PDB file of N, CA and C in Angstrom:
ATOM      1  N   MET A   1      14.007  61.345 -31.765  1.00  0.00           N
ATOM      2  CA  MET A   1      14.678  62.243 -32.694  1.00  0.00           C
ATOM      3  C   MET A   1      14.045  62.164 -34.085  1.00  0.00           C
ATOM      4  N   GLU A   2      13.609  60.967 -34.454  1.00  0.00           N
ATOM      5  CA  GLU A   2      13.022  60.784 -35.779  1.00  0.00           C
ATOM      6  C   GLU A   2      11.776  61.642 -36.002  1.00  0.00           C
ATOM      7  N   LYS A   3      10.939  61.757 -34.969  1.00  0.00           N
ATOM      8  CA  LYS A   3       9.714  62.545 -35.135  1.00  0.00           C
ATOM      9  C   LYS A   3      10.043  64.015 -35.369  1.00  0.00           C
ATOM     10  N   TYR A   4      11.100  64.508 -34.731  1.00  0.00           N
ATOM     11  CA  TYR A   4      11.509  65.899 -34.939  1.00  0.00           C
ATOM     12  C   TYR A   4      12.086  66.081 -36.342  1.00  0.00           C
ATOM     13  N   LEU A   5      12.937  65.164 -36.751  1.00  0.00           N
ATOM     14  CA  LEU A   5      13.547  65.254 -38.071  1.00  0.00           C
ATOM     15  C   LEU A   5      12.490  65.204 -39.169  1.00  0.00           C
ATOM     16  N   LYS A   6      11.515  64.325 -39.002  1.00  0.00           N
ATOM     17  CA  LYS A   6      10.432  64.228 -39.986  1.00  0.00           C
ATOM     18  C   LYS A   6       9.654  65.539 -40.064  1.00  0.00           C
ATOM     19  N   ALA A   7       9.327  66.118 -38.921  1.00  0.00           N
ATOM     20  CA  ALA A   7       8.583  67.383 -38.892  1.00  0.00           C
ATOM     21  C   ALA A   7       9.412  68.522 -39.480  1.00  0.00           C
ATOM     22  N   ILE A   8      10.707  68.532 -39.191  1.00  0.00           N
ATOM     23  CA  ILE A   8      11.598  69.567 -39.751  1.00  0.00           C
ATOM     24  C   ILE A   8      11.622  69.455 -41.269  1.00  0.00           C
ATOM     25  N   LYS A   9      11.755  68.239 -41.779  1.00  0.00           N
ATOM     26  CA  LYS A   9      11.780  68.049 -43.243  1.00  0.00           C
ATOM     27  C   LYS A   9      10.476  68.492 -43.883  1.00  0.00           C
ATOM     28  N   GLU A  10       9.362  68.215 -43.226  1.00  0.00           N
ATOM     29  CA  GLU A  10       8.057  68.599 -43.780  1.00  0.00           C
ATOM     30  C   GLU A  10       7.826  70.106 -43.721  1.00  0.00           C
ATOM     31  N   ASN A  11       8.243  70.743 -42.618  1.00  0.00           N
ATOM     32  CA  ASN A  11       7.901  72.149 -42.399  1.00  0.00           C
ATOM     33  C   ASN A  11       8.984  73.145 -42.776  1.00  0.00           C
ATOM     34  N   ILE A  12      10.232  72.740 -42.721  1.00  0.00           N
ATOM     35  CA  ILE A  12      11.312  73.678 -43.007  1.00  0.00           C
ATOM     36  C   ILE A  12      11.997  73.335 -44.328  1.00  0.00           C
ATOM     37  N   CYS A  13      12.416  72.095 -44.482  1.00  0.00           N
ATOM     38  CA  CYS A  13      13.131  71.706 -45.701  1.00  0.00           C
ATOM     39  C   CYS A  13      12.292  71.954 -46.951  1.00  0.00           C
ATOM     40  N   SER A  14      11.003  71.766 -46.810  1.00  0.00           N
ATOM     41  CA  SER A  14      10.119  71.939 -47.968  1.00  0.00           C
ATOM     42  C   SER A  14      10.068  73.377 -48.469  1.00  0.00           C
ATOM     43  N   ILE A  15      10.413  74.350 -47.622  1.00  0.00           N
ATOM     44  CA  ILE A  15      10.382  75.758 -48.041  1.00  0.00           C
ATOM     45  C   ILE A  15      11.769  76.402 -48.048  1.00  0.00           C
ATOM     46  N   CYS A  16      12.780  75.638 -47.684  1.00  0.00           N
ATOM     47  CA  CYS A  16      14.127  76.173 -47.543  1.00  0.00           C
ATOM     48  C   CYS A  16      14.666  76.695 -48.872  1.00  0.00           C
ATOM     49  N   ALA A  17      15.411  77.770 -48.799  1.00  0.00           N
ATOM     50  CA  ALA A  17      16.038  78.343 -49.985  1.00  0.00           C
ATOM     51  C   ALA A  17      17.072  77.392 -50.583  1.00  0.00           C
ATOM     52  N   ASP A  18      17.535  76.439 -49.801  1.00  0.00           N
ATOM     53  CA  ASP A  18      18.520  75.470 -50.266  1.00  0.00           C
ATOM     54  C   ASP A  18      17.885  74.166 -50.731  1.00  0.00           C
ATOM     55  N   SER A  19      16.600  74.217 -51.082  1.00  0.00           N
ATOM     56  CA  SER A  19      15.930  73.005 -51.564  1.00  0.00           C
ATOM     57  C   SER A  19      15.418  73.220 -52.979  1.00  0.00           C
ATOM     58  N   SER A  20      15.190  72.111 -53.642  1.00  0.00           N
ATOM     59  CA  SER A  20      14.655  72.159 -55.001  1.00  0.00           C
ATOM     60  C   SER A  20      13.152  72.400 -54.954  1.00  0.00           C
ATOM     61  N   GLU A  21      12.550  72.453 -56.113  1.00  0.00           N
ATOM     62  CA  GLU A  21      11.098  72.653 -56.195  1.00  0.00           C
ATOM     63  C   GLU A  21      10.329  71.521 -55.522  1.00  0.00           C
ATOM     64  N   THR A  22      10.951  70.357 -55.422  1.00  0.00           N
ATOM     65  CA  THR A  22      10.296  69.203 -54.805  1.00  0.00           C
ATOM     66  C   THR A  22      10.647  69.070 -53.322  1.00  0.00           C
ATOM     67  N   GLY A  23      11.424  70.025 -52.783  1.00  0.00           N
ATOM     68  CA  GLY A  23      11.773  70.000 -51.367  1.00  0.00           C
ATOM     69  C   GLY A  23      13.026  69.214 -51.047  1.00  0.00           C
ATOM     70  N   LYS A  24      13.744  68.767 -52.066  1.00  0.00           N
ATOM     71  CA  LYS A  24      14.982  68.004 -51.857  1.00  0.00           C
ATOM     72  C   LYS A  24      16.151  68.974 -51.644  1.00  0.00           C
ATOM     73  N   CYS A  25      16.968  68.672 -50.660  1.00  0.00           N
ATOM     74  CA  CYS A  25      18.099  69.538 -50.320  1.00  0.00           C
ATOM     75  C   CYS A  25      19.079  69.611 -51.484  1.00  0.00           C
ATOM     76  N   THR A  26      19.534  70.820 -51.791  1.00  0.00           N
ATOM     77  CA  THR A  26      20.473  71.021 -52.889  1.00  0.00           C
ATOM     78  C   THR A  26      21.902  71.290 -52.410  1.00  0.00           C
ATOM     79  N   LEU A  27      22.130  71.186 -51.102  1.00  0.00           N
ATOM     80  CA  LEU A  27      23.490  71.373 -50.597  1.00  0.00           C
ATOM     81  C   LEU A  27      24.369  70.230 -51.083  1.00  0.00           C
ATOM     82  N   ASN A  28      25.620  70.552 -51.396  1.00  0.00           N
ATOM     83  CA  ASN A  28      26.524  69.507 -51.870  1.00  0.00           C
ATOM     84  C   ASN A  28      27.264  68.865 -50.700  1.00  0.00           C
ATOM     85  N   GLU A  29      28.125  67.906 -50.991  1.00  0.00           N
ATOM     86  CA  GLU A  29      28.805  67.159 -49.931  1.00  0.00           C
ATOM     87  C   GLU A  29      29.767  68.000 -49.103  1.00  0.00           C
ATOM     88  N   ARG A  30      30.162  69.173 -49.583  1.00  0.00           N
ATOM     89  CA  ARG A  30      31.040  70.059 -48.815  1.00  0.00           C
ATOM     90  C   ARG A  30      30.251  71.042 -47.958  1.00  0.00           C
ATOM     91  N   GLU A  31      28.960  71.115 -48.158  1.00  0.00           N
ATOM     92  CA  GLU A  31      28.101  72.010 -47.388  1.00  0.00           C
ATOM     93  C   GLU A  31      27.305  71.187 -46.385  1.00  0.00           C
ATOM     94  N   ILE A  32      26.868  71.852 -45.341  1.00  0.00           N
ATOM     95  CA  ILE A  32      26.116  71.145 -44.310  1.00  0.00           C
ATOM     96  C   ILE A  32      24.937  71.999 -43.861  1.00  0.00           C
ATOM     97  N   CYS A  33      23.838  71.350 -43.610  1.00  0.00           N
ATOM     98  CA  CYS A  33      22.656  72.043 -43.107  1.00  0.00           C
ATOM     99  C   CYS A  33      22.787  72.187 -41.592  1.00  0.00           C
ATOM    100  N   ALA A  34      22.824  73.404 -41.120  1.00  0.00           N
ATOM    101  CA  ALA A  34      22.975  73.660 -39.683  1.00  0.00           C
ATOM    102  C   ALA A  34      21.806  73.083 -38.890  1.00  0.00           C
ATOM    103  N   VAL A  35      20.635  73.090 -39.472  1.00  0.00           N
ATOM    104  CA  VAL A  35      19.455  72.580 -38.761  1.00  0.00           C
ATOM    105  C   VAL A  35      19.607  71.085 -38.494  1.00  0.00           C
ATOM    106  N   GLN A  36      19.961  70.331 -39.513  1.00  0.00           N
ATOM    107  CA  GLN A  36      20.115  68.896 -39.313  1.00  0.00           C
ATOM    108  C   GLN A  36      21.356  68.572 -38.485  1.00  0.00           C
ATOM    109  N   TYR A  37      22.430  69.277 -38.699  1.00  0.00           N
ATOM    110  CA  TYR A  37      23.667  69.011 -37.972  1.00  0.00           C
ATOM    111  C   TYR A  37      23.513  69.261 -36.470  1.00  0.00           C
ATOM    112  N   PHE A  38      22.848  70.356 -36.127  1.00  0.00           N
ATOM    113  CA  PHE A  38      22.704  70.750 -34.724  1.00  0.00           C
ATOM    114  C   PHE A  38      21.336  70.406 -34.137  1.00  0.00           C
ATOM    115  N   LEU A  39      20.562  69.563 -34.801  1.00  0.00           N
ATOM    116  CA  LEU A  39      19.195  69.301 -34.347  1.00  0.00           C
ATOM    117  C   LEU A  39      19.110  68.867 -32.882  1.00  0.00           C
ATOM    118  N   PRO A  40      19.933  67.953 -32.389  1.00  0.00           N
ATOM    119  CA  PRO A  40      19.830  67.598 -30.966  1.00  0.00           C
ATOM    120  C   PRO A  40      20.036  68.803 -30.034  1.00  0.00           C
ATOM    121  N   GLU A  41      20.988  69.660 -30.366  1.00  0.00           N
ATOM    122  CA  GLU A  41      21.236  70.845 -29.554  1.00  0.00           C
ATOM    123  C   GLU A  41      20.085  71.846 -29.657  1.00  0.00           C
ATOM    124  N   ILE A  42      19.522  71.977 -30.848  1.00  0.00           N
ATOM    125  CA  ILE A  42      18.394  72.893 -31.055  1.00  0.00           C
ATOM    126  C   ILE A  42      17.201  72.435 -30.222  1.00  0.00           C
ATOM    127  N   ILE A  43      16.910  71.143 -30.276  1.00  0.00           N
ATOM    128  CA  ILE A  43      15.796  70.593 -29.495  1.00  0.00           C
ATOM    129  C   ILE A  43      16.033  70.833 -28.015  1.00  0.00           C
ATOM    130  N   ASP A  44      17.252  70.625 -27.570  1.00  0.00           N
ATOM    131  CA  ASP A  44      17.594  70.841 -26.158  1.00  0.00           C
ATOM    132  C   ASP A  44      17.381  72.301 -25.760  1.00  0.00           C
ATOM    133  N   VAL A  45      17.790  73.228 -26.608  1.00  0.00           N
ATOM    134  CA  VAL A  45      17.588  74.653 -26.331  1.00  0.00           C
ATOM    135  C   VAL A  45      16.101  74.965 -26.217  1.00  0.00           C
ATOM    136  N   VAL A  46      15.306  74.448 -27.140  1.00  0.00           N
ATOM    137  CA  VAL A  46      13.863  74.702 -27.112  1.00  0.00           C
ATOM    138  C   VAL A  46      13.251  74.128 -25.832  1.00  0.00           C
ATOM    139  N   HIS A  47      13.654  72.921 -25.470  1.00  0.00           N
ATOM    140  CA  HIS A  47      13.100  72.285 -24.273  1.00  0.00           C
ATOM    141  C   HIS A  47      13.532  72.979 -22.980  1.00  0.00           C
ATOM    142  N   LYS A  48      14.709  73.554 -22.965  1.00  0.00           N
ATOM    143  CA  LYS A  48      15.213  74.181 -21.740  1.00  0.00           C
ATOM    144  C   LYS A  48      14.850  75.659 -21.610  1.00  0.00           C
ATOM    145  N   THR A  49      14.288  76.233 -22.648  1.00  0.00           N
ATOM    146  CA  THR A  49      13.909  77.648 -22.604  1.00  0.00           C
ATOM    147  C   THR A  49      12.438  77.750 -22.240  1.00  0.00           C
ATOM    148  N   ASP A  50      12.166  78.415 -21.142  1.00  0.00           N
ATOM    149  CA  ASP A  50      10.792  78.583 -20.681  1.00  0.00           C
ATOM    150  C   ASP A  50      10.440  80.062 -20.780  1.00  0.00           C
ATOM    151  N   SER A  51       9.926  80.445 -21.928  1.00  0.00           N
ATOM    152  CA  SER A  51       9.629  81.852 -22.169  1.00  0.00           C
ATOM    153  C   SER A  51       8.568  81.975 -23.246  1.00  0.00           C
ATOM    154  N   ASP A  52       7.850  83.076 -23.219  1.00  0.00           N
ATOM    155  CA  ASP A  52       6.904  83.403 -24.278  1.00  0.00           C
ATOM    156  C   ASP A  52       7.552  84.278 -25.346  1.00  0.00           C
ATOM    157  N   GLU A  53       8.788  84.659 -25.115  1.00  0.00           N
ATOM    158  CA  GLU A  53       9.508  85.553 -26.032  1.00  0.00           C
ATOM    159  C   GLU A  53      10.449  84.757 -26.919  1.00  0.00           C
ATOM    160  N   ILE A  54      10.284  84.859 -28.226  1.00  0.00           N
ATOM    161  CA  ILE A  54      11.142  84.146 -29.173  1.00  0.00           C
ATOM    162  C   ILE A  54      12.588  84.626 -29.058  1.00  0.00           C
ATOM    163  N   GLU A  55      12.772  85.853 -28.660  1.00  0.00           N
ATOM    164  CA  GLU A  55      14.127  86.396 -28.507  1.00  0.00           C
ATOM    165  C   GLU A  55      14.925  85.630 -27.445  1.00  0.00           C
ATOM    166  N   ASP A  56      14.256  85.159 -26.402  1.00  0.00           N
ATOM    167  CA  ASP A  56      14.931  84.351 -25.384  1.00  0.00           C
ATOM    168  C   ASP A  56      15.418  83.026 -25.977  1.00  0.00           C
ATOM    169  N   TYR A  57      14.606  82.416 -26.812  1.00  0.00           N
ATOM    170  CA  TYR A  57      15.011  81.189 -27.491  1.00  0.00           C
ATOM    171  C   TYR A  57      16.206  81.465 -28.401  1.00  0.00           C
ATOM    172  N   TYR A  58      16.125  82.562 -29.127  1.00  0.00           N
ATOM    173  CA  TYR A  58      17.184  82.919 -30.071  1.00  0.00           C
ATOM    174  C   TYR A  58      18.502  83.190 -29.342  1.00  0.00           C
ATOM    175  N   ASN A  59      18.451  83.909 -28.242  1.00  0.00           N
ATOM    176  CA  ASN A  59      19.668  84.179 -27.470  1.00  0.00           C
ATOM    177  C   ASN A  59      20.270  82.896 -26.917  1.00  0.00           C
ATOM    178  N   ASN A  60      19.432  81.992 -26.433  1.00  0.00           N
ATOM    179  CA  ASN A  60      19.926  80.712 -25.938  1.00  0.00           C
ATOM    180  C   ASN A  60      20.535  79.887 -27.072  1.00  0.00           C
ATOM    181  N   LEU A  61      19.912  79.938 -28.222  1.00  0.00           N
ATOM    182  CA  LEU A  61      20.445  79.237 -29.379  1.00  0.00           C
ATOM    183  C   LEU A  61      21.843  79.759 -29.719  1.00  0.00           C
ATOM    184  N   LYS A  62      21.989  81.068 -29.752  1.00  0.00           N
ATOM    185  CA  LYS A  62      23.291  81.650 -30.087  1.00  0.00           C
ATOM    186  C   LYS A  62      24.349  81.279 -29.050  1.00  0.00           C
ATOM    187  N   ASN A  63      23.952  81.198 -27.788  1.00  0.00           N
ATOM    188  CA  ASN A  63      24.899  80.840 -26.732  1.00  0.00           C
ATOM    189  C   ASN A  63      25.309  79.375 -26.789  1.00  0.00           C
ATOM    190  N   VAL A  64      24.415  78.510 -27.233  1.00  0.00           N
ATOM    191  CA  VAL A  64      24.698  77.073 -27.233  1.00  0.00           C
ATOM    192  C   VAL A  64      25.155  76.596 -28.613  1.00  0.00           C
ATOM    193  N   VAL A  65      24.322  76.791 -29.613  1.00  0.00           N
ATOM    194  CA  VAL A  65      24.590  76.232 -30.930  1.00  0.00           C
ATOM    195  C   VAL A  65      25.584  77.086 -31.715  1.00  0.00           C
ATOM    196  N   CYS A  66      25.304  78.352 -31.855  1.00  0.00           N
ATOM    197  CA  CYS A  66      26.179  79.213 -32.652  1.00  0.00           C
ATOM    198  C   CYS A  66      27.584  79.285 -32.057  1.00  0.00           C
ATOM    199  N   HIS A  67      27.662  79.200 -30.753  1.00  0.00           N
ATOM    200  CA  HIS A  67      28.952  79.232 -30.071  1.00  0.00           C
ATOM    201  C   HIS A  67      29.857  78.082 -30.534  1.00  0.00           C
ATOM    202  N   ASN A  68      29.258  76.960 -30.904  1.00  0.00           N
ATOM    203  CA  ASN A  68      30.016  75.785 -31.338  1.00  0.00           C
ATOM    204  C   ASN A  68      30.112  75.638 -32.848  1.00  0.00           C
ATOM    205  N   CYS A  69      29.573  76.587 -33.576  1.00  0.00           N
ATOM    206  CA  CYS A  69      29.586  76.518 -35.036  1.00  0.00           C
ATOM    207  C   CYS A  69      30.890  77.119 -35.565  1.00  0.00           C
ATOM    208  N   LYS A  70      31.476  76.458 -36.536  1.00  0.00           N
ATOM    209  CA  LYS A  70      32.746  76.915 -37.115  1.00  0.00           C
ATOM    210  C   LYS A  70      32.594  78.184 -37.951  1.00  0.00           C
ATOM    211  N   ALA A  71      31.371  78.528 -38.318  1.00  0.00           N
ATOM    212  CA  ALA A  71      31.151  79.723 -39.121  1.00  0.00           C
ATOM    213  C   ALA A  71      31.190  80.999 -38.286  1.00  0.00           C
ATOM    214  N   GLN A  72      31.113  80.853 -36.967  1.00  0.00           N
ATOM    215  CA  GLN A  72      31.138  82.013 -36.073  1.00  0.00           C
ATOM    216  C   GLN A  72      32.550  82.208 -35.546  1.00  0.00           C
ATOM    217  N   ASP A  73      33.022  83.447 -35.570  1.00  0.00           N
ATOM    218  CA  ASP A  73      34.370  83.709 -35.066  1.00  0.00           C
ATOM    219  C   ASP A  73      34.336  84.024 -33.574  1.00  0.00           C
ATOM    220  N   SER A  74      35.489  84.283 -33.004  1.00  0.00           N
ATOM    221  CA  SER A  74      35.598  84.501 -31.558  1.00  0.00           C
ATOM    222  C   SER A  74      34.887  85.766 -31.088  1.00  0.00           C
ATOM    223  N   ASP A  75      34.591  86.686 -32.000  1.00  0.00           N
ATOM    224  CA  ASP A  75      33.861  87.901 -31.654  1.00  0.00           C
ATOM    225  C   ASP A  75      32.346  87.720 -31.736  1.00  0.00           C
ATOM    226  N   GLY A  76      31.909  86.535 -32.167  1.00  0.00           N
ATOM    227  CA  GLY A  76      30.477  86.272 -32.294  1.00  0.00           C
ATOM    228  C   GLY A  76      29.917  86.621 -33.661  1.00  0.00           C
ATOM    229  N   ASP A  77      30.781  87.029 -34.579  1.00  0.00           N
ATOM    230  CA  ASP A  77      30.332  87.341 -35.933  1.00  0.00           C
ATOM    231  C   ASP A  77      30.281  86.062 -36.754  1.00  0.00           C
ATOM    232  N   CYS A  78      29.264  85.941 -37.567  1.00  0.00           N
ATOM    233  CA  CYS A  78      29.081  84.739 -38.379  1.00  0.00           C
ATOM    234  C   CYS A  78      28.850  85.150 -39.827  1.00  0.00           C
ATOM    235  N   TYR A  79      29.722  84.693 -40.709  1.00  0.00           N
ATOM    236  CA  TYR A  79      29.584  85.063 -42.114  1.00  0.00           C
ATOM    237  C   TYR A  79      28.331  84.455 -42.738  1.00  0.00           C
ATOM    238  N   LEU A  80      27.878  83.319 -42.244  1.00  0.00           N
ATOM    239  CA  LEU A  80      26.648  82.727 -42.774  1.00  0.00           C
ATOM    240  C   LEU A  80      25.421  83.517 -42.347  1.00  0.00           C
ATOM    241  N   ARG A  81      25.382  83.891 -41.078  1.00  0.00           N
ATOM    242  CA  ARG A  81      24.259  84.688 -40.570  1.00  0.00           C
ATOM    243  C   ARG A  81      24.218  86.046 -41.254  1.00  0.00           C
ATOM    244  N   GLU A  82      25.382  86.660 -41.408  1.00  0.00           N
ATOM    245  CA  GLU A  82      25.454  87.992 -42.029  1.00  0.00           C
ATOM    246  C   GLU A  82      24.978  87.983 -43.469  1.00  0.00           C
ATOM    247  N   ASP A  83      25.195  86.866 -44.176  1.00  0.00           N
ATOM    248  CA  ASP A  83      24.754  86.738 -45.571  1.00  0.00           C
ATOM    249  C   ASP A  83      23.362  86.127 -45.698  1.00  0.00           C
ATOM    250  N   SER A  84      22.662  85.958 -44.565  1.00  0.00           N
ATOM    251  CA  SER A  84      21.360  85.278 -44.538  1.00  0.00           C
ATOM    252  C   SER A  84      21.471  83.904 -45.172  1.00  0.00           C
ATOM    253  N   ASN A  85      22.586  83.237 -44.896  1.00  0.00           N
ATOM    254  CA  ASN A  85      22.840  81.945 -45.505  1.00  0.00           C
ATOM    255  C   ASN A  85      22.855  80.807 -44.486  1.00  0.00           C
ATOM    256  N   CYS A  86      22.413  81.094 -43.275  1.00  0.00           N
ATOM    257  CA  CYS A  86      22.323  80.067 -42.239  1.00  0.00           C
ATOM    258  C   CYS A  86      20.858  79.649 -42.132  1.00  0.00           C
ATOM    259  N   SER A  87      20.592  78.394 -42.460  1.00  0.00           N
ATOM    260  CA  SER A  87      19.205  77.916 -42.428  1.00  0.00           C
ATOM    261  C   SER A  87      18.637  77.961 -41.017  1.00  0.00           C
ATOM    262  N   LEU A  88      19.467  77.753 -40.038  1.00  0.00           N
ATOM    263  CA  LEU A  88      19.004  77.810 -38.650  1.00  0.00           C
ATOM    264  C   LEU A  88      18.551  79.220 -38.293  1.00  0.00           C
ATOM    265  N   ASP A  89      19.327  80.192 -38.668  1.00  0.00           N
ATOM    266  CA  ASP A  89      18.984  81.590 -38.396  1.00  0.00           C
ATOM    267  C   ASP A  89      17.776  82.026 -39.227  1.00  0.00           C
ATOM    268  N   ARG A  90      17.760  81.639 -40.477  1.00  0.00           N
ATOM    269  CA  ARG A  90      16.715  82.046 -41.416  1.00  0.00           C
ATOM    270  C   ARG A  90      15.340  81.522 -41.009  1.00  0.00           C
ATOM    271  N   TYR A  91      15.281  80.302 -40.503  1.00  0.00           N
ATOM    272  CA  TYR A  91      13.999  79.664 -40.196  1.00  0.00           C
ATOM    273  C   TYR A  91      13.806  79.411 -38.705  1.00  0.00           C
ATOM    274  N   PHE A  92      14.513  80.140 -37.872  1.00  0.00           N
ATOM    275  CA  PHE A  92      14.522  79.845 -36.448  1.00  0.00           C
ATOM    276  C   PHE A  92      13.131  79.820 -35.823  1.00  0.00           C
ATOM    277  N   ARG A  93      12.337  80.819 -36.066  1.00  0.00           N
ATOM    278  CA  ARG A  93      10.992  80.872 -35.466  1.00  0.00           C
ATOM    279  C   ARG A  93      10.161  79.648 -35.876  1.00  0.00           C
ATOM    280  N   LEU A  94      10.220  79.292 -37.129  1.00  0.00           N
ATOM    281  CA  LEU A  94       9.476  78.136 -37.619  1.00  0.00           C
ATOM    282  C   LEU A  94      10.019  76.827 -37.033  1.00  0.00           C
ATOM    283  N   ILE A  95      11.310  76.759 -36.828  1.00  0.00           N
ATOM    284  CA  ILE A  95      11.918  75.573 -36.217  1.00  0.00           C
ATOM    285  C   ILE A  95      11.413  75.408 -34.786  1.00  0.00           C
ATOM    286  N   VAL A  96      11.414  76.491 -34.023  1.00  0.00           N
ATOM    287  CA  VAL A  96      10.919  76.441 -32.640  1.00  0.00           C
ATOM    288  C   VAL A  96       9.453  76.005 -32.627  1.00  0.00           C
ATOM    289  N   GLU A  97       8.645  76.601 -33.476  1.00  0.00           N
ATOM    290  CA  GLU A  97       7.226  76.250 -33.539  1.00  0.00           C
ATOM    291  C   GLU A  97       7.033  74.780 -33.917  1.00  0.00           C
ATOM    292  N   THR A  98       7.838  74.285 -34.832  1.00  0.00           N
ATOM    293  CA  THR A  98       7.738  72.891 -35.268  1.00  0.00           C
ATOM    294  C   THR A  98       8.074  71.941 -34.129  1.00  0.00           C
ATOM    295  N   ILE A  99       9.143  72.218 -33.404  1.00  0.00           N
ATOM    296  CA  ILE A  99       9.526  71.382 -32.268  1.00  0.00           C
ATOM    297  C   ILE A  99       8.434  71.401 -31.203  1.00  0.00           C
ATOM    298  N   GLN A 100       7.892  72.571 -30.928  1.00  0.00           N
ATOM    299  CA  GLN A 100       6.828  72.679 -29.931  1.00  0.00           C
ATOM    300  C   GLN A 100       5.575  71.925 -30.371  1.00  0.00           C
ATOM    301  N   LYS A 101       5.251  71.943 -31.653  1.00  0.00           N
ATOM    302  CA  LYS A 101       4.082  71.208 -32.140  1.00  0.00           C
ATOM    303  C   LYS A 101       4.285  69.708 -32.008  1.00  0.00           C
ATOM    304  N   VAL A 102       5.488  69.224 -32.292  1.00  0.00           N
ATOM    305  CA  VAL A 102       5.786  67.810 -32.123  1.00  0.00           C
ATOM    306  C   VAL A 102       5.604  67.415 -30.666  1.00  0.00           C
ATOM    307  N   ASP A 103       6.090  68.264 -29.774  1.00  0.00           N
ATOM    308  CA  ASP A 103       5.947  67.994 -28.334  1.00  0.00           C
ATOM    309  C   ASP A 103       4.477  67.968 -27.921  1.00  0.00           C
ATOM    310  N   GLU A 104       3.682  68.897 -28.429  1.00  0.00           N
ATOM    311  CA  GLU A 104       2.266  68.949 -28.108  1.00  0.00           C
ATOM    312  C   GLU A 104       1.537  67.704 -28.598  1.00  0.00           C
ATOM    313  N   GLN A 105       1.884  67.231 -29.772  1.00  0.00           N
ATOM    314  CA  GLN A 105       1.247  66.040 -30.331  1.00  0.00           C
ATOM    315  C   GLN A 105       1.614  64.799 -29.533  1.00  0.00           C
ATOM    316  N   ALA A 106       2.816  64.786 -28.983  1.00  0.00           N
ATOM    317  CA  ALA A 106       3.272  63.633 -28.192  1.00  0.00           C
ATOM    318  C   ALA A 106       2.645  63.616 -26.805  1.00  0.00           C
ATOM    319  N   ALA A 107       2.214  64.777 -26.331  1.00  0.00           N
ATOM    320  CA  ALA A 107       1.669  64.861 -24.964  1.00  0.00           C
ATOM    321  C   ALA A 107       0.256  64.353 -24.871  1.00  0.00           C
TER     322      ALA A 107
END
């Protein structure tokens, strides 16, 4: 898990809209980063999805991770996603690529 977290911090946190100029997270104690909170589930989705289409990964993510997120209501609407305020949604493609690169380096 550490290798994934390190890669996420280097590749996503460093460019995240919720980070400072130095790449430090600016979320306060009442806010939570969906990427870090759901990282084990995200990794599992990436590992279990066998497709060349990013949309397949995204749909699986929504079925697994977003389904368990408190920001999404019973109709599947998410106020964070709608406001482009979900880091997982905002950087999803880069997150998938980062996880896959970590896996490739380990192989």
